[in-house]
C-alpha atoms as a PDB file:
ATOM      1  CA  MET A   1      32.273  45.207 -23.308  1.00  0.00           C
ATOM      2  CA  ILE A   2      32.970  41.609 -22.309  1.00  0.00           C
ATOM      3  CA  HIS A   3      35.512  41.293 -19.528  1.00  0.00           C
ATOM      4  CA  PRO A   4      37.982  38.430 -20.041  1.00  0.00           C
ATOM      5  CA  GLU A   5      37.990  37.563 -16.353  1.00  0.00           C
ATOM      6  CA  GLY A   6      34.612  35.894 -16.943  1.00  0.00           C
ATOM      7  CA  PHE A   7      36.145  33.279 -19.254  1.00  0.00           C
ATOM      8  CA  LYS A   8      37.249  30.008 -17.741  1.00  0.00           C
ATOM      9  CA  GLY A   9      40.983  29.843 -17.171  1.00  0.00           C
ATOM     10  CA  PHE A  10      41.731  33.417 -18.273  1.00  0.00           C
ATOM     11  CA  SER A  11      44.640  35.002 -16.438  1.00  0.00           C
ATOM     12  CA  TRP A  12      45.995  38.493 -17.219  1.00  0.00           C
ATOM     13  CA  ASN A  13      49.282  37.543 -15.583  1.00  0.00           C
ATOM     14  CA  ARG A  14      49.653  34.388 -17.704  1.00  0.00           C
ATOM     15  CA  VAL A  15      49.025  36.274 -20.957  1.00  0.00           C
ATOM     16  CA  VAL A  16      51.414  39.094 -20.026  1.00  0.00           C
ATOM     17  CA  SER A  17      54.045  36.563 -18.965  1.00  0.00           C
ATOM     18  CA  VAL A  18      53.927  34.728 -22.293  1.00  0.00           C
ATOM     19  CA  LEU A  19      53.872  37.961 -24.327  1.00  0.00           C
ATOM     20  CA  ASN A  20      56.969  39.133 -22.446  1.00  0.00           C
ATOM     21  CA  GLU A  21      58.768  36.013 -23.713  1.00  0.00           C
ATOM     22  CA  LEU A  22      58.346  37.209 -27.316  1.00  0.00           C
ATOM     23  CA  PRO A  23      60.677  40.197 -27.716  1.00  0.00           C
ATOM     24  CA  GLY A  24      61.379  42.290 -30.768  1.00  0.00           C
ATOM     25  CA  GLY A  25      60.207  45.479 -32.389  1.00  0.00           C
ATOM     26  CA  SER A  26      58.607  48.400 -30.651  1.00  0.00           C
ATOM     27  CA  VAL A  27      55.472  50.503 -30.709  1.00  0.00           C
ATOM     28  CA  ASP A  28      56.225  54.194 -30.566  1.00  0.00           C
ATOM     29  CA  LEU A  29      53.658  56.791 -29.501  1.00  0.00           C
ATOM     30  CA  LYS A  30      53.843  60.517 -30.150  1.00  0.00           C
ATOM     31  CA  LEU A  31      51.066  62.724 -28.807  1.00  0.00           C
ATOM     32  CA  ALA A  32      50.515  66.203 -30.194  1.00  0.00           C
ATOM     33  CA  ASP A  33      47.742  68.677 -29.406  1.00  0.00           C
ATOM     34  CA  GLU A  34      45.193  67.132 -31.773  1.00  0.00           C
ATOM     35  CA  THR A  35      46.892  64.133 -33.382  1.00  0.00           C
ATOM     36  CA  ALA A  36      48.462  61.004 -31.956  1.00  0.00           C
ATOM     37  CA  HIS A  37      50.786  58.836 -34.024  1.00  0.00           C
ATOM     38  CA  ILE A  38      51.372  55.158 -33.261  1.00  0.00           C
ATOM     39  CA  LEU A  39      54.258  53.634 -35.200  1.00  0.00           C
ATOM     40  CA  LEU A  40      54.664  49.853 -35.454  1.00  0.00           C
ATOM     41  CA  ASN A  41      58.419  49.498 -35.623  1.00  0.00           C
ATOM     42  CA  ASN A  42      59.676  46.068 -36.638  1.00  0.00           C
ATOM     43  CA  PRO A  43      60.709  46.669 -40.266  1.00  0.00           C
ATOM     44  CA  SER A  44      62.949  43.581 -40.568  1.00  0.00           C
ATOM     45  CA  LYS A  45      59.760  41.500 -40.204  1.00  0.00           C
ATOM     46  CA  LYS A  46      57.518  43.859 -42.153  1.00  0.00           C
ATOM     47  CA  ASN A  47      56.257  45.187 -38.825  1.00  0.00           C
ATOM     48  CA  ALA A  48      54.803  41.852 -37.733  1.00  0.00           C
ATOM     49  CA  VAL A  49      53.548  42.258 -34.174  1.00  0.00           C
ATOM     50  CA  THR A  50      55.547  40.453 -31.481  1.00  0.00           C
ATOM     51  CA  GLY A  51      54.421  39.754 -27.931  1.00  0.00           C
ATOM     52  CA  ALA A  52      56.378  42.715 -26.616  1.00  0.00           C
ATOM     53  CA  MET A  53      54.731  44.914 -29.232  1.00  0.00           C
ATOM     54  CA  MET A  54      51.280  43.708 -28.124  1.00  0.00           C
ATOM     55  CA  LEU A  55      52.094  44.833 -24.600  1.00  0.00           C
ATOM     56  CA  GLU A  56      53.350  48.198 -25.862  1.00  0.00           C
ATOM     57  CA  LEU A  57      50.321  48.669 -28.111  1.00  0.00           C
ATOM     58  CA  ARG A  58      47.987  48.102 -25.170  1.00  0.00           C
ATOM     59  CA  ARG A  59      49.983  50.668 -23.156  1.00  0.00           C
ATOM     60  CA  CYS A  60      49.650  53.169 -26.035  1.00  0.00           C
ATOM     61  CA  VAL A  61      45.896  52.641 -26.307  1.00  0.00           C
ATOM     62  CA  THR A  62      45.527  53.131 -22.558  1.00  0.00           C
ATOM     63  CA  GLU A  63      47.515  56.362 -22.762  1.00  0.00           C
ATOM     64  CA  ILE A  64      45.476  57.610 -25.735  1.00  0.00           C
ATOM     65  CA  SER A  65      42.224  56.867 -23.891  1.00  0.00           C
ATOM     66  CA  LYS A  66      43.208  59.614 -21.402  1.00  0.00           C
ATOM     67  CA  TRP A  67      44.245  62.071 -24.129  1.00  0.00           C
ATOM     68  CA  GLU A  68      41.886  64.718 -25.492  1.00  0.00           C
ATOM     69  CA  GLY A  69      43.067  64.857 -29.104  1.00  0.00           C
ATOM     70  CA  LYS A  70      41.015  64.389 -32.243  1.00  0.00           C
ATOM     71  CA  ALA A  71      42.774  61.816 -34.443  1.00  0.00           C
ATOM     72  CA  VAL A  72      45.009  58.763 -34.187  1.00  0.00           C
ATOM     73  CA  VAL A  73      47.302  57.740 -37.038  1.00  0.00           C
ATOM     74  CA  LEU A  74      48.529  54.144 -37.028  1.00  0.00           C
ATOM     75  CA  SER A  75      51.411  53.359 -39.372  1.00  0.00           C
ATOM     76  CA  GLY A  76      54.318  51.003 -39.905  1.00  0.00           C
ATOM     77  CA  ALA A  77      58.030  51.725 -40.224  1.00  0.00           C
ATOM     78  CA  GLY A  78      60.005  51.199 -43.398  1.00  0.00           C
ATOM     79  CA  GLY A  79      57.196  51.592 -45.926  1.00  0.00           C
ATOM     80  CA  THR A  80      55.134  48.579 -44.765  1.00  0.00           C
ATOM     81  CA  PHE A  81      52.070  48.812 -42.563  1.00  0.00           C
ATOM     82  CA  CYS A  82      51.922  45.449 -40.757  1.00  0.00           C
ATOM     83  CA  ALA A  83      52.296  41.845 -41.902  1.00  0.00           C
ATOM     84  CA  GLY A  84      50.131  40.638 -39.003  1.00  0.00           C
ATOM     85  CA  SER A  85      51.311  38.679 -36.008  1.00  0.00           C
ATOM     86  CA  ASP A  86      54.876  37.415 -35.761  1.00  0.00           C
ATOM     87  CA  LEU A  87      54.650  33.661 -36.386  1.00  0.00           C
ATOM     88  CA  ASN A  88      56.807  32.980 -33.326  1.00  0.00           C
ATOM     89  CA  ALA A  89      54.075  34.604 -31.249  1.00  0.00           C
ATOM     90  CA  VAL A  90      51.400  32.505 -32.939  1.00  0.00           C
ATOM     91  CA  ARG A  91      53.343  29.310 -32.225  1.00  0.00           C
ATOM     92  CA  MET A  92      53.553  30.169 -28.521  1.00  0.00           C
ATOM     93  CA  PHE A  93      49.760  30.066 -28.414  1.00  0.00           C
ATOM     94  CA  GLY A  94      49.249  26.749 -30.180  1.00  0.00           C
ATOM     95  CA  ASP A  95      46.410  25.853 -27.838  1.00  0.00           C
ATOM     96  CA  PRO A  96      43.180  27.470 -29.108  1.00  0.00           C
ATOM     97  CA  GLN A  97      42.200  28.469 -25.566  1.00  0.00           C
ATOM     98  CA  GLU A  98      45.460  30.400 -25.079  1.00  0.00           C
ATOM     99  CA  GLY A  99      45.006  32.044 -28.487  1.00  0.00           C
ATOM    100  CA  LEU A 100      41.558  33.158 -27.357  1.00  0.00           C
ATOM    101  CA  HIS A 101      43.061  34.600 -24.180  1.00  0.00           C
ATOM    102  CA  VAL A 102      45.556  36.686 -26.180  1.00  0.00           C
ATOM    103  CA  CYS A 103      42.716  37.993 -28.348  1.00  0.00           C
ATOM    104  CA  MET A 104      40.753  38.936 -25.220  1.00  0.00           C
ATOM    105  CA  TYR A 105      43.839  40.679 -23.826  1.00  0.00           C
ATOM    106  CA  MET A 106      44.166  42.751 -26.973  1.00  0.00           C
END
């Protein structure tokens, strides 16, 4: 795995700071004995992922990495899976280098 710290100018704190400025939606995690369920919950935007949701998704993945279940189900609220990234989040990372840093964070 490539560690982002090796890339020029990458800063975890900078990425987290900018993602925190992009509120909206949630990522809900439910762990059962053998199955985990991650729900992208931003139905008014067809579950487009906001900065806050990126932070929550990373937290969920970290939590699941310590879990000993067998399956993970990823779904979206309101009958839509996920429209992609919220365009407001994309605009915040107009510089290609910052966009790369968000991708490395995720």
